[in-house]
Amino acid sequence: MSDATSTAEESHQPASNWGTYKRLLAYVKPFWLAFSLAVVGNIIYAAASTGMAAAMEYVITALENPTDKNRILLTLLIVGVFAFRGVGTS
């Protein structure tokens, strides 16, 4: 290799993570509303998925002790979690 090539390779430093992030956010600026809605939607979807996992304890209890109240609440819980999850994916 020539000296000029090796000097250019040695002086090349990778961009910092924050610098790259800032550069990419500049492209998002015109679409800030859509980007914000996408972030909020992902948060809602993640919360609903976590909520369904947490609700499994209640589902198991409702299946072990079948009462009219448990059946109604179980139905509302499942429909509610999936409706909330659907809002996050819209």
C-alpha atoms as a PDB file:
ATOM      1  CA  MET A   1       0.000   0.000   0.000  1.00  0.00           C
ATOM      2  CA  SER A   2       1.135   3.509  -0.604  1.00  0.00           C
ATOM      3  CA  ASP A   3       1.667   5.945   2.242  1.00  0.00           C
ATOM      4  CA  ALA A   4      -1.216   8.144   1.120  1.00  0.00           C
ATOM      5  CA  THR A   5      -3.708   5.253   1.285  1.00  0.00           C
ATOM      6  CA  SER A   6      -2.613   4.043   4.696  1.00  0.00           C
ATOM      7  CA  THR A   7      -2.718   7.599   6.112  1.00  0.00           C
ATOM      8  CA  ALA A   8      -6.268   8.115   4.835  1.00  0.00           C
ATOM      9  CA  GLU A   9      -7.427   4.812   6.342  1.00  0.00           C
ATOM     10  CA  GLU A  10      -5.850   5.565   9.710  1.00  0.00           C
ATOM     11  CA  SER A  11      -7.397   9.057   9.946  1.00  0.00           C
ATOM     12  CA  HIS A  12     -10.933   7.785   9.166  1.00  0.00           C
ATOM     13  CA  GLN A  13     -12.910   7.659  12.411  1.00  0.00           C
ATOM     14  CA  PRO A  14     -16.427   6.252  12.619  1.00  0.00           C
ATOM     15  CA  ALA A  15     -19.220   8.682  13.440  1.00  0.00           C
ATOM     16  CA  SER A  16     -20.555   8.638  16.973  1.00  0.00           C
ATOM     17  CA  ASN A  17     -23.916   7.030  17.660  1.00  0.00           C
ATOM     18  CA  TRP A  18     -25.417  10.380  18.660  1.00  0.00           C
ATOM     19  CA  GLY A  19     -24.074  12.045  15.511  1.00  0.00           C
ATOM     20  CA  THR A  20     -25.630   9.364  13.339  1.00  0.00           C
ATOM     21  CA  TYR A  21     -28.928   9.598  15.229  1.00  0.00           C
ATOM     22  CA  LYS A  22     -29.041  13.390  14.842  1.00  0.00           C
ATOM     23  CA  ARG A  23     -28.291  13.108  11.130  1.00  0.00           C
ATOM     24  CA  LEU A  24     -31.109  10.595  10.640  1.00  0.00           C
ATOM     25  CA  LEU A  25     -33.567  12.665  12.684  1.00  0.00           C
ATOM     26  CA  ALA A  26     -33.026  15.524  10.239  1.00  0.00           C
ATOM     27  CA  TYR A  27     -34.743  13.371   7.592  1.00  0.00           C
ATOM     28  CA  VAL A  28     -37.703  12.755   9.928  1.00  0.00           C
ATOM     29  CA  LYS A  29     -38.280  16.450  10.657  1.00  0.00           C
ATOM     30  CA  PRO A  30     -40.803  16.995   7.813  1.00  0.00           C
ATOM     31  CA  PHE A  31     -42.761  13.965   9.047  1.00  0.00           C
ATOM     32  CA  TRP A  32     -42.614  14.671  12.784  1.00  0.00           C
ATOM     33  CA  LEU A  33     -46.359  14.142  13.307  1.00  0.00           C
ATOM     34  CA  ALA A  34     -46.419  10.738  11.607  1.00  0.00           C
ATOM     35  CA  PHE A  35     -43.212   9.753  13.392  1.00  0.00           C
ATOM     36  CA  SER A  36     -44.667  10.771  16.761  1.00  0.00           C
ATOM     37  CA  LEU A  37     -47.875   8.834  16.090  1.00  0.00           C
ATOM     38  CA  ALA A  38     -45.818   5.778  15.134  1.00  0.00           C
ATOM     39  CA  VAL A  39     -43.854   5.997  18.385  1.00  0.00           C
ATOM     40  CA  VAL A  40     -47.055   6.350  20.428  1.00  0.00           C
ATOM     41  CA  GLY A  41     -48.623   3.442  18.516  1.00  0.00           C
ATOM     42  CA  ASN A  42     -45.649   1.230  19.265  1.00  0.00           C
ATOM     43  CA  ILE A  43     -45.845   2.140  22.945  1.00  0.00           C
ATOM     44  CA  ILE A  44     -49.569   1.288  23.019  1.00  0.00           C
ATOM     45  CA  TYR A  45     -48.950  -2.008  21.222  1.00  0.00           C
ATOM     46  CA  ALA A  46     -46.153  -2.947  23.641  1.00  0.00           C
ATOM     47  CA  ALA A  47     -48.304  -2.028  26.640  1.00  0.00           C
ATOM     48  CA  ALA A  48     -51.213  -4.109  25.326  1.00  0.00           C
ATOM     49  CA  SER A  49     -48.953  -7.096  24.707  1.00  0.00           C
ATOM     50  CA  THR A  50     -47.560  -6.814  28.210  1.00  0.00           C
ATOM     51  CA  GLY A  51     -51.077  -6.332  29.559  1.00  0.00           C
ATOM     52  CA  MET A  52     -52.230  -9.547  27.893  1.00  0.00           C
ATOM     53  CA  ALA A  53     -49.363 -11.438  29.483  1.00  0.00           C
ATOM     54  CA  ALA A  54     -50.244  -9.955  32.873  1.00  0.00           C
ATOM     55  CA  ALA A  55     -53.940 -10.730  32.337  1.00  0.00           C
ATOM     56  CA  MET A  56     -53.199 -14.425  31.863  1.00  0.00           C
ATOM     57  CA  GLU A  57     -53.194 -14.813  35.662  1.00  0.00           C
ATOM     58  CA  TYR A  58     -56.784 -13.569  35.742  1.00  0.00           C
ATOM     59  CA  VAL A  59     -57.713 -15.780  32.782  1.00  0.00           C
ATOM     60  CA  ILE A  60     -56.409 -18.861  34.572  1.00  0.00           C
ATOM     61  CA  THR A  61     -58.276 -17.901  37.752  1.00  0.00           C
ATOM     62  CA  ALA A  62     -61.482 -17.305  35.775  1.00  0.00           C
ATOM     63  CA  LEU A  63     -61.179 -20.698  34.088  1.00  0.00           C
ATOM     64  CA  GLU A  64     -60.568 -22.467  37.400  1.00  0.00           C
ATOM     65  CA  ASN A  65     -63.541 -20.725  39.092  1.00  0.00           C
ATOM     66  CA  PRO A  66     -66.189 -20.335  36.398  1.00  0.00           C
ATOM     67  CA  THR A  67     -68.850 -17.914  37.578  1.00  0.00           C
ATOM     68  CA  ASP A  68     -71.125 -15.618  35.619  1.00  0.00           C
ATOM     69  CA  LYS A  69     -69.137 -12.612  36.794  1.00  0.00           C
ATOM     70  CA  ASN A  70     -65.837 -14.206  35.704  1.00  0.00           C
ATOM     71  CA  ARG A  71     -67.226 -15.060  32.263  1.00  0.00           C
ATOM     72  CA  ILE A  72     -68.368 -11.498  31.626  1.00  0.00           C
ATOM     73  CA  LEU A  73     -65.134  -9.975  32.932  1.00  0.00           C
ATOM     74  CA  LEU A  74     -63.031 -12.452  30.972  1.00  0.00           C
ATOM     75  CA  THR A  75     -64.857 -11.576  27.769  1.00  0.00           C
ATOM     76  CA  LEU A  76     -64.491  -7.847  28.413  1.00  0.00           C
ATOM     77  CA  LEU A  77     -60.818  -8.258  29.291  1.00  0.00           C
ATOM     78  CA  ILE A  78     -59.940 -10.127  26.118  1.00  0.00           C
ATOM     79  CA  VAL A  79     -61.948  -7.808  23.857  1.00  0.00           C
ATOM     80  CA  GLY A  80     -60.563  -4.742  25.639  1.00  0.00           C
ATOM     81  CA  VAL A  81     -56.928  -5.788  25.405  1.00  0.00           C
ATOM     82  CA  PHE A  82     -57.207  -6.649  21.730  1.00  0.00           C
ATOM     83  CA  ALA A  83     -59.115  -3.417  20.992  1.00  0.00           C
ATOM     84  CA  PHE A  84     -56.395  -1.434  22.802  1.00  0.00           C
ATOM     85  CA  ARG A  85     -53.779  -3.365  20.851  1.00  0.00           C
ATOM     86  CA  GLY A  86     -55.623  -2.602  17.611  1.00  0.00           C
ATOM     87  CA  VAL A  87     -55.497   1.125  18.367  1.00  0.00           C
ATOM     88  CA  GLY A  88     -51.731   0.812  18.674  1.00  0.00           C
ATOM     89  CA  THR A  89     -51.362  -0.844  15.280  1.00  0.00           C
ATOM     90  CA  SER A  90     -53.580   1.635  13.411  1.00  0.00           C
END
